[in-house]
Each structure stands twice: as C-alpha cells, then as structure tokens.
Amino acid sequence: MATPRLHLDQPLQAGREIPASPGQAHYLGGVLRRAAGDPVLLFNGADGEWAGRIASLRKDRCTLLPERQTRPQEPAPACRLLVAAVKRDAMDWMVEKATELGIGAIQPVLTRRSITDRVNLARLAAIAQEAAEQCERLTVPRLAPAAPLHAILEAWDGTPLLVGDERRDSPPLAALAQGLPPGGAWAWLVGPEGGFERAELDDLRRRAFVSTASLGPRILRAETAAVAGLAVLQALAGDW
C-alpha cells in the first residue's frame, strides 16, 4: 500500500507528536483503514518531508509522530497563475492542476466579463492541499483573495506577466517563454469566458512588464488555456 502523505500546519521535529485534523483522522482511519503504528509521510512547507508513524488514532482524533527527514525543504516556486474567476467546478479543476504543475501562487482576478465575483478560498485551499499531498510537492500554493484586474496591475511588482490573447495577433507563448530566464519568476494571466474587453487588453499592453501571448489557432476554454499555458511555461522556463 502507498504511504499516506499529509500536510500539517505545525513544525516537524523528530519525536514530537502532532495532532492531525479531524478530516485527516477520518481519512486515515475511515477511508484508508490505517491504524496506530502505520507509516505516514508529513510536510508543512517549511521543514521538508518527514517519515513518521501514526501515534494514535480513534474516530476523528489522531496524533502523528515524525521520526526522520526524508527530503530537505526546497524554495517555494516563484511562478504564479492569475485567472479570471469562473464557475466553481472549473475553478476547482484549475487549482488542482496548477498545484500539480508546480505553481507557487494562485490569484483569482475579477474582470469586466467575469461570471462570478465570489471565490471560496477555503474550498480552493483544501483542494490545493490535497493536490500537493498527492503529487509529492513540499509546498502548497498560496491562494490570494479575488481582486479587480486594475488593482492587481497597479500593485504589480514588475515580474514578467504573460497574458493569454484570444485574438491571436500576439506572438506564440512558446516563443515568449524561451525569452524568460530559466527557473526565474514569471506569471501567467488568463481571462474570463468571452475574453478580456478591449479596454482591459489595451491597459495590459501599455504596461512594460506585460507581454500578450497567443495559444494557437483554436479558441480555448478559460480552464484549458490556464493549464495549457502553464505546461508550456513550465517546460520552457520553469522547473521541468
């Protein structure tokens, strides 16, 4: 059986028991049918990955015992995904896949054509955590509260921002990615269903840190464009 891997919000030290959440306790005991003494892998985004054991387990109560570090901590990825808020199922899927693809931070964006202005950060954080546990990441992506596009641009830190342009009159994303420093900081912005309004694209294009990019001859759904773009960027300018 595969060893369960859990993210915790507490320091990891050899011999120091740590309480699991009620959900983690149910997962270990009720879903996986594990018991006290069974092995687990633990990480918290700061202390690397640790091999340990289930110290105690009863219904929704569980304690875990780290024993030895198996992987040292690595820096959090500098790459970011900015995506216009979309319907819940699509947003959930994007967060899961962006986590698997190694993104360091996810920023929901409110645009003029956004179909929702509500984003359940707690739900998305849980999805990101579960994806990080399963894909053997040592960090969980940071999730920022949804914010208007203009406000995000005004507060931007100068990191290269590549923006999906559904009009297809921009350079291919692959060409732009090859001009980025390998492993450096970059961000990928995808608009809403129906695309950015012209005024929004004009605002983006006038900013020195922005480059608009084409994703080919076909119109993609927002969630497809987000994941396809991340795959290209990770392959050409990321940690792949």
Protein backbone atom coordinates (compact mmCIF):
# COMPACT_ATOMS: atom_id res chain seq x y z
CA MET A 1 0.00 0.00 0.00
CA ALA A 2 1.17 3.53 -0.73
CA THR A 3 2.20 5.50 2.34
CA PRO A 4 -0.29 8.30 3.12
CA ARG A 5 1.16 11.79 2.75
CA LEU A 6 -0.25 14.64 4.85
CA HIS A 7 0.27 18.39 5.06
CA LEU A 8 0.38 19.86 8.57
CA ASP A 9 0.45 23.43 9.84
CA GLN A 10 2.90 22.80 12.69
CA PRO A 11 6.69 22.41 12.97
CA LEU A 12 8.07 18.96 12.30
CA GLN A 13 10.61 17.59 14.76
CA ALA A 14 11.76 14.06 15.42
CA GLY A 15 9.91 12.57 18.36
CA ARG A 16 7.39 15.42 18.76
CA GLU A 17 3.80 14.23 18.40
CA ILE A 18 1.49 16.43 16.32
CA PRO A 19 -2.31 16.36 16.25
CA ALA A 20 -3.91 15.71 12.86
CA SER A 21 -7.10 17.46 11.82
CA PRO A 22 -10.43 15.61 12.26
CA GLY A 23 -10.61 15.29 8.47
CA GLN A 24 -7.16 13.73 8.32
CA ALA A 25 -8.05 11.37 11.15
CA HIS A 26 -11.18 10.24 9.28
CA TYR A 27 -9.19 9.85 6.06
CA LEU A 28 -6.57 7.67 7.74
CA GLY A 29 -8.93 5.53 9.77
CA GLY A 30 -12.26 5.57 7.96
CA VAL A 31 -11.09 5.71 4.34
CA LEU A 32 -7.64 4.09 4.30
CA ARG A 33 -8.27 1.77 7.26
CA ARG A 34 -4.91 2.55 8.80
CA ALA A 35 -4.09 2.07 12.49
CA ALA A 36 -1.65 3.23 15.12
CA GLY A 37 1.88 2.30 14.16
CA ASP A 38 1.32 2.55 10.40
CA PRO A 39 3.74 4.75 8.42
CA VAL A 40 2.95 8.23 7.09
CA LEU A 41 4.81 10.97 5.26
CA LEU A 42 4.48 14.52 6.59
CA PHE A 43 5.31 18.01 5.27
CA ASN A 44 4.47 21.58 6.23
CA GLY A 45 6.06 23.77 3.56
CA ALA A 46 8.98 24.74 5.79
CA ASP A 47 10.71 21.69 7.28
CA GLY A 48 10.97 19.35 4.30
CA GLU A 49 9.34 15.93 4.20
CA TRP A 50 9.40 13.54 7.16
CA ALA A 51 8.75 9.84 7.55
CA GLY A 52 6.73 9.06 10.62
CA ARG A 53 4.09 6.92 12.24
CA ILE A 54 0.51 7.20 13.38
CA ALA A 55 0.93 7.53 17.14
CA SER A 56 -2.75 7.21 18.00
CA LEU A 57 -5.98 7.02 16.02
CA ARG A 58 -9.59 6.93 17.19
CA LYS A 59 -12.53 8.17 15.14
CA ASP A 60 -11.83 11.86 14.45
CA ARG A 61 -8.78 12.10 16.70
CA CYS A 62 -5.27 11.29 15.60
CA THR A 63 -1.71 12.14 16.54
CA LEU A 64 1.28 11.73 14.24
CA LEU A 65 4.91 11.16 15.19
CA PRO A 66 7.66 12.47 12.84
CA GLU A 67 10.76 10.26 13.00
CA ARG A 68 13.28 11.33 10.34
CA GLN A 69 13.54 13.80 7.49
CA THR A 70 13.46 12.15 4.07
CA ARG A 71 13.73 15.27 1.88
CA PRO A 72 15.09 18.73 2.70
CA GLN A 73 12.88 21.76 2.18
CA GLU A 74 13.07 23.38 -1.25
CA PRO A 75 12.25 27.03 -2.05
CA ALA A 76 8.66 27.82 -2.91
CA PRO A 77 8.16 28.16 -6.69
CA ALA A 78 8.31 31.76 -7.92
CA CYS A 79 5.84 31.23 -10.78
CA ARG A 80 2.25 32.42 -10.43
CA LEU A 81 -1.14 31.84 -12.04
CA LEU A 82 -3.64 34.67 -12.33
CA VAL A 83 -7.01 33.61 -13.64
CA ALA A 84 -10.35 35.33 -14.04
CA ALA A 85 -12.92 33.96 -11.63
CA VAL A 86 -15.03 31.28 -13.32
CA LYS A 87 -17.67 28.77 -12.23
CA ARG A 88 -16.89 26.59 -9.23
CA ASP A 89 -16.14 23.29 -10.98
CA ALA A 90 -13.77 24.93 -13.46
CA MET A 91 -12.06 26.92 -10.70
CA ASP A 92 -11.62 23.79 -8.58
CA TRP A 93 -10.08 21.93 -11.52
CA MET A 94 -7.69 24.76 -12.35
CA VAL A 95 -6.43 25.00 -8.76
CA GLU A 96 -5.87 21.24 -8.62
CA LYS A 97 -3.96 21.14 -11.92
CA ALA A 98 -1.97 24.32 -11.22
CA THR A 99 -0.84 22.74 -7.96
CA GLU A 100 0.24 19.57 -9.77
CA LEU A 101 2.10 21.69 -12.33
CA GLY A 102 4.17 23.36 -9.59
CA ILE A 103 2.72 26.86 -9.36
CA GLY A 104 3.74 28.87 -6.31
CA ALA A 105 0.74 31.21 -6.03
CA ILE A 106 -2.77 31.45 -7.47
CA GLN A 107 -4.59 34.78 -7.78
CA PRO A 108 -8.28 34.89 -8.78
CA VAL A 109 -8.96 38.01 -10.83
CA LEU A 110 -12.17 39.98 -11.29
CA THR A 111 -12.62 41.31 -14.82
CA ARG A 112 -15.48 43.06 -16.59
CA ARG A 113 -16.70 39.79 -18.08
CA SER A 114 -16.17 37.64 -15.01
CA ILE A 115 -19.23 35.49 -14.48
CA THR A 116 -18.82 35.46 -10.69
CA ASP A 117 -17.39 37.76 -8.06
CA ARG A 118 -17.28 35.16 -5.29
CA VAL A 119 -14.41 32.76 -4.74
CA ASN A 120 -14.44 30.26 -1.87
CA LEU A 121 -10.81 30.47 -0.77
CA ALA A 122 -11.22 27.88 1.98
CA ARG A 123 -12.51 25.33 -0.52
CA LEU A 124 -9.74 26.12 -3.01
CA ALA A 125 -7.08 25.93 -0.30
CA ALA A 126 -8.31 22.45 0.65
CA ILE A 127 -8.15 21.36 -2.99
CA ALA A 128 -4.62 22.74 -3.34
CA GLN A 129 -3.51 20.99 -0.16
CA GLU A 130 -4.90 17.64 -1.27
CA ALA A 131 -3.26 18.00 -4.70
CA ALA A 132 0.08 18.87 -3.08
CA GLU A 133 -0.16 15.80 -0.85
CA GLN A 134 -0.79 13.54 -3.84
CA CYS A 135 1.80 14.97 -6.25
CA GLU A 136 4.66 14.93 -3.70
CA ARG A 137 5.17 18.69 -3.55
CA LEU A 138 6.86 20.13 -0.47
CA THR A 139 4.79 23.33 -0.59
CA VAL A 140 1.15 24.24 -1.09
CA PRO A 141 0.41 27.17 -3.45
CA ARG A 142 -0.52 30.46 -1.82
CA LEU A 143 -4.10 31.48 -2.61
CA ALA A 144 -4.83 35.19 -2.72
CA PRO A 145 -8.28 36.75 -2.31
CA ALA A 146 -10.01 37.68 -5.56
CA ALA A 147 -9.22 41.24 -6.62
CA PRO A 148 -10.06 43.52 -9.59
CA LEU A 149 -7.66 43.33 -12.52
CA HIS A 150 -6.83 47.04 -12.38
CA ALA A 151 -5.92 46.87 -8.69
CA ILE A 152 -3.64 43.88 -9.28
CA LEU A 153 -1.85 45.62 -12.12
CA GLU A 154 -1.37 48.83 -10.14
CA ALA A 155 0.25 46.89 -7.28
CA TRP A 156 2.32 44.59 -9.51
CA ASP A 157 5.96 44.01 -8.52
CA GLY A 158 7.45 44.01 -12.03
CA THR A 159 7.61 40.22 -12.50
CA PRO A 160 7.14 39.34 -16.21
CA LEU A 161 3.42 38.84 -16.77
CA LEU A 162 2.34 36.85 -19.81
CA VAL A 163 -1.28 37.26 -20.82
CA GLY A 164 -3.37 34.96 -22.98
CA ASP A 165 -4.71 36.83 -26.03
CA GLU A 166 -7.58 35.02 -27.71
CA ARG A 167 -7.41 37.42 -30.69
CA ARG A 168 -4.35 35.50 -31.92
CA ASP A 169 -2.49 38.64 -33.02
CA SER A 170 0.25 38.18 -30.40
CA PRO A 171 3.47 36.13 -30.54
CA PRO A 172 3.18 32.42 -29.66
CA LEU A 173 3.52 31.72 -25.95
CA ALA A 174 6.35 29.26 -26.64
CA ALA A 175 8.43 32.00 -28.27
CA LEU A 176 7.90 34.36 -25.34
CA ALA A 177 8.67 31.61 -22.81
CA GLN A 178 12.05 30.97 -24.39
CA GLY A 179 12.99 34.57 -23.63
CA LEU A 180 12.39 34.16 -19.89
CA PRO A 181 15.26 33.31 -17.52
CA PRO A 182 15.19 29.54 -16.87
CA GLY A 183 13.69 28.87 -13.46
CA GLY A 184 13.04 32.56 -12.89
CA ALA A 185 9.93 34.34 -11.68
CA TRP A 186 7.05 34.75 -14.12
CA ALA A 187 3.25 34.87 -14.07
CA TRP A 188 0.54 33.64 -16.44
CA LEU A 189 -2.77 35.51 -16.71
CA VAL A 190 -5.88 34.04 -18.34
CA GLY A 191 -9.08 35.98 -18.89
CA PRO A 192 -12.71 35.00 -18.43
CA GLU A 193 -15.06 33.14 -20.72
CA GLY A 194 -15.55 35.54 -23.62
CA GLY A 195 -12.09 37.02 -23.13
CA PHE A 196 -10.90 40.39 -21.89
CA GLU A 197 -12.66 43.51 -23.04
CA ARG A 198 -10.66 45.64 -25.47
CA ALA A 199 -10.09 48.32 -22.83
CA GLU A 200 -8.63 45.72 -20.47
CA LEU A 201 -6.27 44.39 -23.13
CA ASP A 202 -5.22 47.94 -24.01
CA ASP A 203 -4.49 48.60 -20.33
CA LEU A 204 -2.45 45.42 -20.12
CA ARG A 205 -0.45 46.12 -23.25
CA ARG A 206 0.63 49.58 -22.14
CA ARG A 207 2.40 48.18 -19.09
CA ALA A 208 6.10 47.42 -19.50
CA PHE A 209 6.00 44.16 -17.56
CA VAL A 210 3.20 42.64 -19.70
CA SER A 211 3.55 40.53 -22.85
CA THR A 212 0.45 39.21 -24.60
CA ALA A 213 0.70 35.70 -26.00
CA SER A 214 -1.19 33.50 -28.43
CA LEU A 215 -2.08 29.89 -27.63
CA GLY A 216 -2.62 28.84 -31.21
CA PRO A 217 -5.37 28.81 -33.82
CA ARG A 218 -8.20 27.49 -31.64
CA ILE A 219 -10.30 29.26 -29.02
CA LEU A 220 -9.78 27.56 -25.66
CA ARG A 221 -11.94 27.48 -22.59
CA ALA A 222 -10.52 29.54 -19.73
CA GLU A 223 -9.53 26.50 -17.69
CA THR A 224 -7.91 24.83 -20.73
CA ALA A 225 -5.94 27.97 -21.54
CA ALA A 226 -4.73 28.23 -17.95
CA VAL A 227 -3.40 24.69 -17.78
CA ALA A 228 -2.06 24.58 -21.35
CA GLY A 229 -0.19 27.83 -20.78
CA LEU A 230 1.31 26.61 -17.52
CA ALA A 231 2.52 23.41 -19.19
CA VAL A 232 4.30 25.41 -21.92
CA LEU A 233 5.87 27.80 -19.41
CA GLN A 234 6.98 25.07 -17.03
CA ALA A 235 8.56 23.13 -19.92
CA LEU A 236 10.41 26.10 -21.41
CA ALA A 237 11.06 28.45 -18.50
CA GLY A 238 10.14 26.55 -15.34
CA ASP A 239 11.37 23.56 -13.36
CA TRP A 240 10.65 20.83 -15.91
